[in-house]
Amino acid sequence: MEQTFSVHLDLDPIKFGAILACIDFAAHHTDENNHTFLLDLSDELRGSQKQFLNSMSINSGNKVIKQIQSSEKTALNKLIN
């Protein structure tokens, strides 16, 4: 059986977005086995957003999501170029 454990990271939206960008970039530049693994990892990280968004108002949550998406886009552009 696969062992799992909980990890606690204190990330701001910029770091969180950058990590997502790096994983997505790597997923699209590797072989099929690693591609699937990395996309699953990205999905798990995106799903973890619920943990910190649940305690926020909708307005505050939307601001954080926009910051994450902006950071992700900026990091991805740096990786591509």
N, C-alpha and C. Protein backbone atom coordinates (compact mmCIF):
# COMPACT_ATOMS: atom_id res chain seq x y z
N MET A 1 0.83 -1.17 0.00
CA MET A 1 0.00 0.00 0.00
C MET A 1 0.88 1.25 0.00
N GLU A 2 0.49 2.23 -0.75
CA GLU A 2 1.23 3.46 -0.86
C GLU A 2 1.13 4.28 0.42
N GLN A 3 2.26 4.76 0.90
CA GLN A 3 2.26 5.57 2.12
C GLN A 3 2.00 7.03 1.75
N THR A 4 1.15 7.69 2.50
CA THR A 4 0.90 9.11 2.30
C THR A 4 1.11 9.84 3.62
N PHE A 5 1.38 11.11 3.53
CA PHE A 5 1.54 11.92 4.72
C PHE A 5 1.17 13.36 4.39
N SER A 6 0.82 14.07 5.40
CA SER A 6 0.41 15.46 5.26
C SER A 6 1.64 16.36 5.32
N VAL A 7 1.67 17.36 4.47
CA VAL A 7 2.77 18.31 4.43
C VAL A 7 2.20 19.70 4.63
N HIS A 8 2.82 20.46 5.47
CA HIS A 8 2.38 21.84 5.71
C HIS A 8 3.43 22.79 5.13
N LEU A 9 3.03 23.64 4.21
CA LEU A 9 3.90 24.65 3.63
C LEU A 9 3.25 26.01 3.81
N ASP A 10 4.02 27.00 4.16
CA ASP A 10 3.51 28.37 4.21
C ASP A 10 3.98 29.07 2.95
N LEU A 11 3.08 29.22 2.00
CA LEU A 11 3.39 29.83 0.71
C LEU A 11 2.50 31.04 0.49
N ASP A 12 3.05 32.05 -0.13
CA ASP A 12 2.21 33.16 -0.55
C ASP A 12 1.70 32.83 -1.96
N PRO A 13 0.73 33.59 -2.47
CA PRO A 13 0.17 33.28 -3.79
C PRO A 13 1.21 33.25 -4.91
N ILE A 14 2.25 34.06 -4.79
CA ILE A 14 3.29 34.09 -5.83
C ILE A 14 4.07 32.78 -5.85
N LYS A 15 4.47 32.30 -4.69
CA LYS A 15 5.21 31.04 -4.62
C LYS A 15 4.33 29.85 -5.02
N PHE A 16 3.09 29.87 -4.58
CA PHE A 16 2.17 28.79 -4.92
C PHE A 16 1.97 28.73 -6.44
N GLY A 17 1.75 29.87 -7.06
CA GLY A 17 1.58 29.92 -8.51
C GLY A 17 2.83 29.47 -9.25
N ALA A 18 3.99 29.86 -8.73
CA ALA A 18 5.26 29.47 -9.37
C ALA A 18 5.46 27.97 -9.31
N ILE A 19 5.12 27.35 -8.19
CA ILE A 19 5.23 25.89 -8.07
C ILE A 19 4.31 25.20 -9.07
N LEU A 20 3.07 25.69 -9.18
CA LEU A 20 2.13 25.11 -10.14
C LEU A 20 2.67 25.24 -11.57
N ALA A 21 3.23 26.39 -11.89
CA ALA A 21 3.78 26.61 -13.23
C ALA A 21 4.93 25.64 -13.51
N CYS A 22 5.82 25.47 -12.55
CA CYS A 22 6.96 24.57 -12.74
C CYS A 22 6.51 23.12 -12.96
N ILE A 23 5.53 22.69 -12.19
CA ILE A 23 5.04 21.32 -12.34
C ILE A 23 4.36 21.15 -13.70
N ASP A 24 3.52 22.11 -14.08
CA ASP A 24 2.85 22.01 -15.38
C ASP A 24 3.85 22.06 -16.53
N PHE A 25 4.86 22.91 -16.43
CA PHE A 25 5.89 22.99 -17.47
C PHE A 25 6.62 21.66 -17.59
N ALA A 26 7.02 21.11 -16.45
CA ALA A 26 7.73 19.82 -16.47
C ALA A 26 6.84 18.72 -17.03
N ALA A 27 5.55 18.76 -16.69
CA ALA A 27 4.62 17.73 -17.17
C ALA A 27 4.53 17.72 -18.68
N HIS A 28 4.63 18.88 -19.29
CA HIS A 28 4.49 18.97 -20.73
C HIS A 28 5.81 18.82 -21.47
N HIS A 29 6.88 18.58 -20.72
CA HIS A 29 8.19 18.40 -21.34
C HIS A 29 8.86 17.11 -20.86
N THR A 30 8.07 16.08 -20.67
CA THR A 30 8.61 14.80 -20.22
C THR A 30 7.85 13.66 -20.91
N ASP A 31 8.25 12.44 -20.60
CA ASP A 31 7.60 11.29 -21.23
C ASP A 31 6.21 11.06 -20.64
N GLU A 32 5.46 10.15 -21.24
CA GLU A 32 4.05 9.94 -20.89
C GLU A 32 3.84 9.51 -19.43
N ASN A 33 4.70 8.62 -18.92
CA ASN A 33 4.54 8.17 -17.53
C ASN A 33 4.71 9.33 -16.55
N ASN A 34 5.73 10.13 -16.74
CA ASN A 34 5.96 11.26 -15.86
C ASN A 34 4.94 12.37 -16.11
N HIS A 35 4.49 12.49 -17.33
CA HIS A 35 3.48 13.48 -17.69
C HIS A 35 2.22 13.27 -16.84
N THR A 36 1.75 12.06 -16.81
CA THR A 36 0.54 11.74 -16.04
C THR A 36 0.77 11.97 -14.55
N PHE A 37 1.90 11.52 -14.04
CA PHE A 37 2.21 11.71 -12.62
C PHE A 37 2.23 13.19 -12.26
N LEU A 38 2.90 14.00 -13.07
CA LEU A 38 3.01 15.43 -12.77
C LEU A 38 1.67 16.15 -12.88
N LEU A 39 0.85 15.76 -13.85
CA LEU A 39 -0.47 16.37 -13.95
C LEU A 39 -1.35 16.00 -12.76
N ASP A 40 -1.22 14.77 -12.28
CA ASP A 40 -1.95 14.36 -11.06
C ASP A 40 -1.47 15.17 -9.86
N LEU A 41 -0.17 15.38 -9.77
CA LEU A 41 0.39 16.18 -8.68
C LEU A 41 -0.14 17.62 -8.75
N SER A 42 -0.18 18.16 -9.93
CA SER A 42 -0.72 19.51 -10.12
C SER A 42 -2.19 19.58 -9.69
N ASP A 43 -2.95 18.57 -10.06
CA ASP A 43 -4.36 18.53 -9.65
C ASP A 43 -4.50 18.48 -8.13
N GLU A 44 -3.63 17.71 -7.47
CA GLU A 44 -3.69 17.63 -6.01
C GLU A 44 -3.37 18.98 -5.38
N LEU A 45 -2.37 19.66 -5.92
CA LEU A 45 -2.03 20.98 -5.38
C LEU A 45 -3.15 21.99 -5.61
N ARG A 46 -3.73 21.95 -6.80
CA ARG A 46 -4.85 22.86 -7.07
C ARG A 46 -6.03 22.55 -6.15
N GLY A 47 -6.24 21.27 -5.88
CA GLY A 47 -7.31 20.88 -4.97
C GLY A 47 -7.05 21.35 -3.54
N SER A 48 -5.79 21.48 -3.18
CA SER A 48 -5.46 21.92 -1.82
C SER A 48 -5.82 23.38 -1.58
N GLN A 49 -6.11 24.11 -2.65
CA GLN A 49 -6.50 25.51 -2.49
C GLN A 49 -7.74 25.63 -1.61
N LYS A 50 -8.58 24.61 -1.62
CA LYS A 50 -9.79 24.63 -0.80
C LYS A 50 -9.45 24.84 0.67
N GLN A 51 -8.31 24.30 1.10
CA GLN A 51 -7.92 24.39 2.51
C GLN A 51 -7.78 25.83 2.96
N PHE A 52 -7.21 26.68 2.13
CA PHE A 52 -7.03 28.07 2.57
C PHE A 52 -8.11 29.00 2.04
N LEU A 53 -8.82 28.60 1.00
CA LEU A 53 -9.88 29.46 0.48
C LEU A 53 -11.16 29.35 1.29
N ASN A 54 -11.39 28.21 1.93
CA ASN A 54 -12.62 28.01 2.69
C ASN A 54 -12.81 29.02 3.80
N SER A 55 -11.70 29.49 4.38
CA SER A 55 -11.81 30.43 5.49
C SER A 55 -11.91 31.89 5.04
N MET A 56 -11.89 32.12 3.74
CA MET A 56 -11.91 33.49 3.21
C MET A 56 -13.29 33.85 2.68
N SER A 57 -13.52 35.15 2.62
CA SER A 57 -14.73 35.62 1.94
C SER A 57 -14.54 35.37 0.45
N ILE A 58 -15.63 35.39 -0.27
CA ILE A 58 -15.57 35.16 -1.73
C ILE A 58 -14.68 36.21 -2.38
N ASN A 59 -14.81 37.45 -1.98
CA ASN A 59 -14.02 38.53 -2.55
C ASN A 59 -12.53 38.33 -2.29
N SER A 60 -12.18 38.01 -1.05
CA SER A 60 -10.78 37.77 -0.71
C SER A 60 -10.24 36.54 -1.43
N GLY A 61 -11.04 35.49 -1.50
CA GLY A 61 -10.63 34.27 -2.20
C GLY A 61 -10.38 34.53 -3.67
N ASN A 62 -11.24 35.32 -4.29
CA ASN A 62 -11.05 35.64 -5.71
C ASN A 62 -9.77 36.42 -5.94
N LYS A 63 -9.43 37.32 -5.01
CA LYS A 63 -8.18 38.09 -5.13
C LYS A 63 -6.97 37.16 -5.05
N VAL A 64 -7.02 36.21 -4.13
CA VAL A 64 -5.91 35.27 -3.98
C VAL A 64 -5.78 34.40 -5.23
N ILE A 65 -6.90 33.92 -5.74
CA ILE A 65 -6.86 33.09 -6.95
C ILE A 65 -6.27 33.88 -8.12
N LYS A 66 -6.64 35.14 -8.26
CA LYS A 66 -6.09 35.97 -9.34
C LYS A 66 -4.59 36.16 -9.16
N GLN A 67 -4.13 36.32 -7.91
CA GLN A 67 -2.69 36.44 -7.66
C GLN A 67 -1.96 35.15 -8.03
N ILE A 68 -2.54 34.02 -7.66
CA ILE A 68 -1.93 32.72 -7.99
C ILE A 68 -1.85 32.55 -9.50
N GLN A 69 -2.95 32.84 -10.20
CA GLN A 69 -2.97 32.69 -11.65
C GLN A 69 -1.98 33.63 -12.32
N SER A 70 -1.86 34.85 -11.82
CA SER A 70 -0.91 35.80 -12.38
C SER A 70 0.52 35.32 -12.18
N SER A 71 0.82 34.83 -10.99
CA SER A 71 2.15 34.31 -10.70
C SER A 71 2.45 33.09 -11.57
N GLU A 72 1.46 32.23 -11.71
CA GLU A 72 1.63 31.04 -12.54
C GLU A 72 1.94 31.42 -13.98
N LYS A 73 1.21 32.39 -14.51
CA LYS A 73 1.43 32.84 -15.88
C LYS A 73 2.82 33.46 -16.04
N THR A 74 3.21 34.29 -15.08
CA THR A 74 4.54 34.93 -15.14
C THR A 74 5.65 33.89 -15.09
N ALA A 75 5.54 32.94 -14.17
CA ALA A 75 6.56 31.89 -14.05
C ALA A 75 6.63 31.03 -15.30
N LEU A 76 5.46 30.69 -15.85
CA LEU A 76 5.43 29.87 -17.06
C LEU A 76 6.07 30.60 -18.22
N ASN A 77 5.82 31.89 -18.35
CA ASN A 77 6.44 32.68 -19.42
C ASN A 77 7.95 32.70 -19.27
N LYS A 78 8.45 32.78 -18.05
CA LYS A 78 9.90 32.76 -17.82
C LYS A 78 10.48 31.40 -18.19
N LEU A 79 9.74 30.34 -17.92
CA LEU A 79 10.25 29.00 -18.25
C LEU A 79 10.25 28.76 -19.76
N ILE A 80 9.27 29.29 -20.43
CA ILE A 80 9.16 29.10 -21.88
C ILE A 80 10.21 29.89 -22.63
N ASN A 81 10.49 31.10 -22.18
CA ASN A 81 11.42 31.98 -22.88
C ASN A 81 12.81 31.87 -22.39
